[in-house]
Amino acid sequence: MLQAPLTGNETMALGQDLERPAGETAWTVLDAANDLGDTITIDACRRVIDADLRGETPARSDVAVLTAFFA
């Protein structure tokens, strides 16, 4: 998972930040993926956004696609 530095040795996984939940991160990735025409990432973003809107946890495979987009 994508790790965001906090303070000291702490890290937080993608979607675990209360300020920027997975759904909000997915919107950002979706915008970039649309610009690049990356249909696999676009589909994963949509599923993460849908899960977030339903209050569900997104599939790990979809979160992995979002994470790989930053790699």
PDB file of N, CA and C in Angstrom:
ATOM      1  N   MET A   1       0.830  -1.186   0.000  1.00  0.00           N
ATOM      2  CA  MET A   1       0.000   0.000   0.000  1.00  0.00           C
ATOM      3  C   MET A   1       0.866   1.238   0.000  1.00  0.00           C
ATOM      4  N   LEU A   2       0.340   2.306  -0.530  1.00  0.00           N
ATOM      5  CA  LEU A   2       1.031   3.579  -0.517  1.00  0.00           C
ATOM      6  C   LEU A   2       1.135   4.077   0.906  1.00  0.00           C
ATOM      7  N   GLN A   3       2.309   4.481   1.307  1.00  0.00           N
ATOM      8  CA  GLN A   3       2.522   4.956   2.665  1.00  0.00           C
ATOM      9  C   GLN A   3       2.810   6.451   2.644  1.00  0.00           C
ATOM     10  N   ALA A   4       2.107   7.192   3.467  1.00  0.00           N
ATOM     11  CA  ALA A   4       2.319   8.638   3.575  1.00  0.00           C
ATOM     12  C   ALA A   4       3.019   8.935   4.896  1.00  0.00           C
ATOM     13  N   PRO A   5       4.151   9.637   4.859  1.00  0.00           N
ATOM     14  CA  PRO A   5       4.840   9.942   6.112  1.00  0.00           C
ATOM     15  C   PRO A   5       4.026  10.902   6.975  1.00  0.00           C
ATOM     16  N   LEU A   6       4.050  10.673   8.272  1.00  0.00           N
ATOM     17  CA  LEU A   6       3.357  11.560   9.203  1.00  0.00           C
ATOM     18  C   LEU A   6       4.411  12.296  10.022  1.00  0.00           C
ATOM     19  N   THR A   7       4.669  11.806  11.212  1.00  0.00           N
ATOM     20  CA  THR A   7       5.711  12.391  12.051  1.00  0.00           C
ATOM     21  C   THR A   7       6.580  11.262  12.564  1.00  0.00           C
ATOM     22  N   GLY A   8       7.851  11.492  12.656  1.00  0.00           N
ATOM     23  CA  GLY A   8       8.737  10.450  13.176  1.00  0.00           C
ATOM     24  C   GLY A   8       8.699   9.206  12.323  1.00  0.00           C
ATOM     25  N   ASN A   9       8.449   8.062  12.945  1.00  0.00           N
ATOM     26  CA  ASN A   9       8.444   6.776  12.250  1.00  0.00           C
ATOM     27  C   ASN A   9       7.045   6.313  11.875  1.00  0.00           C
ATOM     28  N   GLU A  10       6.041   7.162  12.053  1.00  0.00           N
ATOM     29  CA  GLU A  10       4.666   6.771  11.751  1.00  0.00           C
ATOM     30  C   GLU A  10       4.409   6.831  10.254  1.00  0.00           C
ATOM     31  N   THR A  11       3.569   5.938   9.769  1.00  0.00           N
ATOM     32  CA  THR A  11       3.104   5.987   8.388  1.00  0.00           C
ATOM     33  C   THR A  11       1.627   5.655   8.379  1.00  0.00           C
ATOM     34  N   MET A  12       0.951   6.029   7.308  1.00  0.00           N
ATOM     35  CA  MET A  12      -0.474   5.756   7.198  1.00  0.00           C
ATOM     36  C   MET A  12      -0.738   5.208   5.796  1.00  0.00           C
ATOM     37  N   ALA A  13      -1.508   4.151   5.691  1.00  0.00           N
ATOM     38  CA  ALA A  13      -1.804   3.531   4.415  1.00  0.00           C
ATOM     39  C   ALA A  13      -2.826   4.347   3.640  1.00  0.00           C
ATOM     40  N   LEU A  14      -2.789   4.203   2.324  1.00  0.00           N
ATOM     41  CA  LEU A  14      -3.742   4.860   1.448  1.00  0.00           C
ATOM     42  C   LEU A  14      -5.153   4.574   1.923  1.00  0.00           C
ATOM     43  N   GLY A  15      -5.962   5.613   2.060  1.00  0.00           N
ATOM     44  CA  GLY A  15      -7.345   5.439   2.461  1.00  0.00           C
ATOM     45  C   GLY A  15      -7.557   5.414   3.961  1.00  0.00           C
ATOM     46  N   GLN A  16      -6.494   5.456   4.742  1.00  0.00           N
ATOM     47  CA  GLN A  16      -6.634   5.415   6.185  1.00  0.00           C
ATOM     48  C   GLN A  16      -6.596   6.804   6.808  1.00  0.00           C
ATOM     49  N   ASP A  17      -6.252   7.816   6.040  1.00  0.00           N
ATOM     50  CA  ASP A  17      -6.189   9.191   6.532  1.00  0.00           C
ATOM     51  C   ASP A  17      -7.608   9.739   6.622  1.00  0.00           C
ATOM     52  N   LEU A  18      -8.008  10.182   7.801  1.00  0.00           N
ATOM     53  CA  LEU A  18      -9.367  10.688   7.973  1.00  0.00           C
ATOM     54  C   LEU A  18      -9.600  11.968   7.180  1.00  0.00           C
ATOM     55  N   GLU A  19      -8.548  12.714   6.896  1.00  0.00           N
ATOM     56  CA  GLU A  19      -8.678  13.944   6.114  1.00  0.00           C
ATOM     57  C   GLU A  19      -8.857  13.636   4.627  1.00  0.00           C
ATOM     58  N   ARG A  20      -8.248  12.548   4.145  1.00  0.00           N
ATOM     59  CA  ARG A  20      -8.314  12.171   2.734  1.00  0.00           C
ATOM     60  C   ARG A  20      -8.609  10.686   2.623  1.00  0.00           C
ATOM     61  N   PRO A  21      -9.877  10.298   2.755  1.00  0.00           N
ATOM     62  CA  PRO A  21     -10.205   8.881   2.661  1.00  0.00           C
ATOM     63  C   PRO A  21      -9.958   8.344   1.254  1.00  0.00           C
ATOM     64  N   ALA A  22     -10.027   7.022   1.117  1.00  0.00           N
ATOM     65  CA  ALA A  22      -9.753   6.363  -0.162  1.00  0.00           C
ATOM     66  C   ALA A  22     -10.574   6.962  -1.294  1.00  0.00           C
ATOM     67  N   GLY A  23     -11.826   7.307  -1.030  1.00  0.00           N
ATOM     68  CA  GLY A  23     -12.681   7.873  -2.077  1.00  0.00           C
ATOM     69  C   GLY A  23     -12.125   9.175  -2.625  1.00  0.00           C
ATOM     70  N   GLU A  24     -11.634  10.047  -1.750  1.00  0.00           N
ATOM     71  CA  GLU A  24     -11.066  11.316  -2.206  1.00  0.00           C
ATOM     72  C   GLU A  24      -9.771  11.096  -2.979  1.00  0.00           C
ATOM     73  N   THR A  25      -8.954  10.177  -2.507  1.00  0.00           N
ATOM     74  CA  THR A  25      -7.722   9.848  -3.223  1.00  0.00           C
ATOM     75  C   THR A  25      -8.063   9.279  -4.593  1.00  0.00           C
ATOM     76  N   ALA A  26      -9.087   8.447  -4.649  1.00  0.00           N
ATOM     77  CA  ALA A  26      -9.500   7.851  -5.916  1.00  0.00           C
ATOM     78  C   ALA A  26      -9.938   8.918  -6.918  1.00  0.00           C
ATOM     79  N   TRP A  27     -10.587   9.974  -6.451  1.00  0.00           N
ATOM     80  CA  TRP A  27     -10.975  11.064  -7.358  1.00  0.00           C
ATOM     81  C   TRP A  27      -9.747  11.720  -7.973  1.00  0.00           C
ATOM     82  N   THR A  28      -8.702  11.909  -7.177  1.00  0.00           N
ATOM     83  CA  THR A  28      -7.469  12.519  -7.668  1.00  0.00           C
ATOM     84  C   THR A  28      -6.802  11.621  -8.705  1.00  0.00           C
ATOM     85  N   VAL A  29      -6.719  10.329  -8.385  1.00  0.00           N
ATOM     86  CA  VAL A  29      -6.117   9.376  -9.318  1.00  0.00           C
ATOM     87  C   VAL A  29      -6.976   9.266 -10.570  1.00  0.00           C
ATOM     88  N   LEU A  30      -8.292   9.275 -10.405  1.00  0.00           N
ATOM     89  CA  LEU A  30      -9.206   9.192 -11.542  1.00  0.00           C
ATOM     90  C   LEU A  30      -8.958  10.328 -12.523  1.00  0.00           C
ATOM     91  N   ASP A  31      -8.768  11.521 -12.021  1.00  0.00           N
ATOM     92  CA  ASP A  31      -8.501  12.670 -12.879  1.00  0.00           C
ATOM     93  C   ASP A  31      -7.228  12.447 -13.707  1.00  0.00           C
ATOM     94  N   ALA A  32      -6.167  11.999 -13.048  1.00  0.00           N
ATOM     95  CA  ALA A  32      -4.901  11.758 -13.745  1.00  0.00           C
ATOM     96  C   ALA A  32      -5.029  10.587 -14.726  1.00  0.00           C
ATOM     97  N   ALA A  33      -5.704   9.522 -14.310  1.00  0.00           N
ATOM     98  CA  ALA A  33      -5.873   8.358 -15.174  1.00  0.00           C
ATOM     99  C   ALA A  33      -6.695   8.703 -16.410  1.00  0.00           C
ATOM    100  N   ASN A  34      -7.707   9.553 -16.245  1.00  0.00           N
ATOM    101  CA  ASN A  34      -8.483  10.008 -17.400  1.00  0.00           C
ATOM    102  C   ASN A  34      -7.600  10.764 -18.387  1.00  0.00           C
ATOM    103  N   ASP A  35      -6.725  11.624 -17.857  1.00  0.00           N
ATOM    104  CA  ASP A  35      -5.820  12.382 -18.722  1.00  0.00           C
ATOM    105  C   ASP A  35      -4.905  11.458 -19.527  1.00  0.00           C
ATOM    106  N   LEU A  36      -4.517  10.331 -18.910  1.00  0.00           N
ATOM    107  CA  LEU A  36      -3.604   9.388 -19.566  1.00  0.00           C
ATOM    108  C   LEU A  36      -4.323   8.287 -20.344  1.00  0.00           C
ATOM    109  N   GLY A  37      -5.641   8.210 -20.202  1.00  0.00           N
ATOM    110  CA  GLY A  37      -6.402   7.169 -20.885  1.00  0.00           C
ATOM    111  C   GLY A  37      -6.170   5.784 -20.305  1.00  0.00           C
ATOM    112  N   ASP A  38      -5.856   5.693 -19.014  1.00  0.00           N
ATOM    113  CA  ASP A  38      -5.567   4.432 -18.333  1.00  0.00           C
ATOM    114  C   ASP A  38      -6.880   3.807 -17.871  1.00  0.00           C
ATOM    115  N   THR A  39      -7.486   2.994 -18.731  1.00  0.00           N
ATOM    116  CA  THR A  39      -8.824   2.467 -18.447  1.00  0.00           C
ATOM    117  C   THR A  39      -8.860   1.506 -17.260  1.00  0.00           C
ATOM    118  N   ILE A  40      -7.802   0.754 -17.033  1.00  0.00           N
ATOM    119  CA  ILE A  40      -7.780  -0.167 -15.888  1.00  0.00           C
ATOM    120  C   ILE A  40      -7.834   0.625 -14.585  1.00  0.00           C
ATOM    121  N   THR A  41      -7.036   1.689 -14.502  1.00  0.00           N
ATOM    122  CA  THR A  41      -7.038   2.519 -13.299  1.00  0.00           C
ATOM    123  C   THR A  41      -8.345   3.278 -13.158  1.00  0.00           C
ATOM    124  N   ILE A  42      -8.891   3.744 -14.266  1.00  0.00           N
ATOM    125  CA  ILE A  42     -10.176   4.451 -14.234  1.00  0.00           C
ATOM    126  C   ILE A  42     -11.256   3.551 -13.635  1.00  0.00           C
ATOM    127  N   ASP A  43     -11.315   2.297 -14.091  1.00  0.00           N
ATOM    128  CA  ASP A  43     -12.318   1.362 -13.569  1.00  0.00           C
ATOM    129  C   ASP A  43     -12.119   1.086 -12.085  1.00  0.00           C
ATOM    130  N   ALA A  44     -10.863   0.910 -11.667  1.00  0.00           N
ATOM    131  CA  ALA A  44     -10.581   0.668 -10.244  1.00  0.00           C
ATOM    132  C   ALA A  44     -10.981   1.877  -9.411  1.00  0.00           C
ATOM    133  N   CYS A  45     -10.688   3.077  -9.907  1.00  0.00           N
ATOM    134  CA  CYS A  45     -11.058   4.304  -9.187  1.00  0.00           C
ATOM    135  C   CYS A  45     -12.566   4.383  -9.009  1.00  0.00           C
ATOM    136  N   ARG A  46     -13.291   4.069 -10.056  1.00  0.00           N
ATOM    137  CA  ARG A  46     -14.754   4.126  -9.974  1.00  0.00           C
ATOM    138  C   ARG A  46     -15.293   3.157  -8.934  1.00  0.00           C
ATOM    139  N   ARG A  47     -14.680   1.949  -8.866  1.00  0.00           N
ATOM    140  CA  ARG A  47     -15.135   0.974  -7.864  1.00  0.00           C
ATOM    141  C   ARG A  47     -14.800   1.444  -6.448  1.00  0.00           C
ATOM    142  N   VAL A  48     -13.627   2.055  -6.270  1.00  0.00           N
ATOM    143  CA  VAL A  48     -13.259   2.578  -4.947  1.00  0.00           C
ATOM    144  C   VAL A  48     -14.198   3.711  -4.555  1.00  0.00           C
ATOM    145  N   ILE A  49     -14.499   4.595  -5.488  1.00  0.00           N
ATOM    146  CA  ILE A  49     -15.408   5.713  -5.222  1.00  0.00           C
ATOM    147  C   ILE A  49     -16.796   5.182  -4.874  1.00  0.00           C
ATOM    148  N   ASP A  50     -17.276   4.208  -5.636  1.00  0.00           N
ATOM    149  CA  ASP A  50     -18.588   3.621  -5.352  1.00  0.00           C
ATOM    150  C   ASP A  50     -18.626   2.992  -3.964  1.00  0.00           C
ATOM    151  N   ALA A  51     -17.581   2.242  -3.620  1.00  0.00           N
ATOM    152  CA  ALA A  51     -17.525   1.620  -2.292  1.00  0.00           C
ATOM    153  C   ALA A  51     -17.520   2.692  -1.204  1.00  0.00           C
ATOM    154  N   ASP A  52     -16.757   3.759  -1.423  1.00  0.00           N
ATOM    155  CA  ASP A  52     -16.697   4.848  -0.443  1.00  0.00           C
ATOM    156  C   ASP A  52     -18.063   5.503  -0.261  1.00  0.00           C
ATOM    157  N   LEU A  53     -18.766   5.725  -1.349  1.00  0.00           N
ATOM    158  CA  LEU A  53     -20.086   6.355  -1.277  1.00  0.00           C
ATOM    159  C   LEU A  53     -21.102   5.459  -0.559  1.00  0.00           C
ATOM    160  N   ARG A  54     -20.903   4.135  -0.682  1.00  0.00           N
ATOM    161  CA  ARG A  54     -21.787   3.186   0.009  1.00  0.00           C
ATOM    162  C   ARG A  54     -21.358   2.945   1.445  1.00  0.00           C
ATOM    163  N   GLY A  55     -20.219   3.529   1.844  1.00  0.00           N
ATOM    164  CA  GLY A  55     -19.718   3.328   3.193  1.00  0.00           C
ATOM    165  C   GLY A  55     -19.044   1.985   3.387  1.00  0.00           C
ATOM    166  N   GLU A  56     -18.636   1.360   2.300  1.00  0.00           N
ATOM    167  CA  GLU A  56     -17.981   0.059   2.355  1.00  0.00           C
ATOM    168  C   GLU A  56     -16.482   0.206   2.178  1.00  0.00           C
ATOM    169  N   THR A  57     -15.762  -0.826   2.532  1.00  0.00           N
ATOM    170  CA  THR A  57     -14.323  -0.857   2.322  1.00  0.00           C
ATOM    171  C   THR A  57     -14.054  -1.284   0.879  1.00  0.00           C
ATOM    172  N   PRO A  58     -13.209  -0.542   0.161  1.00  0.00           N
ATOM    173  CA  PRO A  58     -12.919  -0.938  -1.226  1.00  0.00           C
ATOM    174  C   PRO A  58     -12.114  -2.233  -1.274  1.00  0.00           C
ATOM    175  N   ALA A  59     -12.222  -2.935  -2.383  1.00  0.00           N
ATOM    176  CA  ALA A  59     -11.468  -4.176  -2.567  1.00  0.00           C
ATOM    177  C   ALA A  59      -9.973  -3.889  -2.539  1.00  0.00           C
ATOM    178  N   ARG A  60      -9.222  -4.775  -1.917  1.00  0.00           N
ATOM    179  CA  ARG A  60      -7.762  -4.615  -1.850  1.00  0.00           C
ATOM    180  C   ARG A  60      -7.157  -4.534  -3.243  1.00  0.00           C
ATOM    181  N   SER A  61      -7.697  -5.304  -4.177  1.00  0.00           N
ATOM    182  CA  SER A  61      -7.156  -5.296  -5.538  1.00  0.00           C
ATOM    183  C   SER A  61      -7.312  -3.914  -6.186  1.00  0.00           C
ATOM    184  N   ASP A  62      -8.432  -3.254  -5.921  1.00  0.00           N
ATOM    185  CA  ASP A  62      -8.639  -1.912  -6.472  1.00  0.00           C
ATOM    186  C   ASP A  62      -7.716  -0.897  -5.811  1.00  0.00           C
ATOM    187  N   VAL A  63      -7.530  -1.006  -4.504  1.00  0.00           N
ATOM    188  CA  VAL A  63      -6.613  -0.112  -3.796  1.00  0.00           C
ATOM    189  C   VAL A  63      -5.196  -0.337  -4.308  1.00  0.00           C
ATOM    190  N   ALA A  64      -4.856  -1.589  -4.617  1.00  0.00           N
ATOM    191  CA  ALA A  64      -3.528  -1.903  -5.152  1.00  0.00           C
ATOM    192  C   ALA A  64      -3.312  -1.224  -6.502  1.00  0.00           C
ATOM    193  N   VAL A  65      -4.351  -1.161  -7.320  1.00  0.00           N
ATOM    194  CA  VAL A  65      -4.237  -0.481  -8.620  1.00  0.00           C
ATOM    195  C   VAL A  65      -3.980   1.004  -8.408  1.00  0.00           C
ATOM    196  N   LEU A  66      -4.699   1.617  -7.467  1.00  0.00           N
ATOM    197  CA  LEU A  66      -4.478   3.036  -7.172  1.00  0.00           C
ATOM    198  C   LEU A  66      -3.069   3.262  -6.650  1.00  0.00           C
ATOM    199  N   THR A  67      -2.616   2.368  -5.794  1.00  0.00           N
ATOM    200  CA  THR A  67      -1.271   2.489  -5.233  1.00  0.00           C
ATOM    201  C   THR A  67      -0.222   2.357  -6.324  1.00  0.00           C
ATOM    202  N   ALA A  68      -0.422   1.411  -7.223  1.00  0.00           N
ATOM    203  CA  ALA A  68       0.541   1.191  -8.318  1.00  0.00           C
ATOM    204  C   ALA A  68       0.605   2.399  -9.245  1.00  0.00           C
ATOM    205  N   PHE A  69      -0.454   3.165  -9.313  1.00  0.00           N
ATOM    206  CA  PHE A  69      -0.474   4.346 -10.177  1.00  0.00           C
ATOM    207  C   PHE A  69       0.590   5.346  -9.733  1.00  0.00           C
ATOM    208  N   PHE A  70       0.902   5.381  -8.437  1.00  0.00           N
ATOM    209  CA  PHE A  70       1.890   6.320  -7.905  1.00  0.00           C
ATOM    210  C   PHE A  70       3.310   5.773  -8.030  1.00  0.00           C
ATOM    211  N   ALA A  71       3.449   4.489  -8.311  1.00  0.00           N
ATOM    212  CA  ALA A  71       4.792   3.864  -8.352  1.00  0.00           C
ATOM    213  C   ALA A  71       5.532   4.196  -9.632  1.00  0.00           C
TER     214      ALA A  71
END
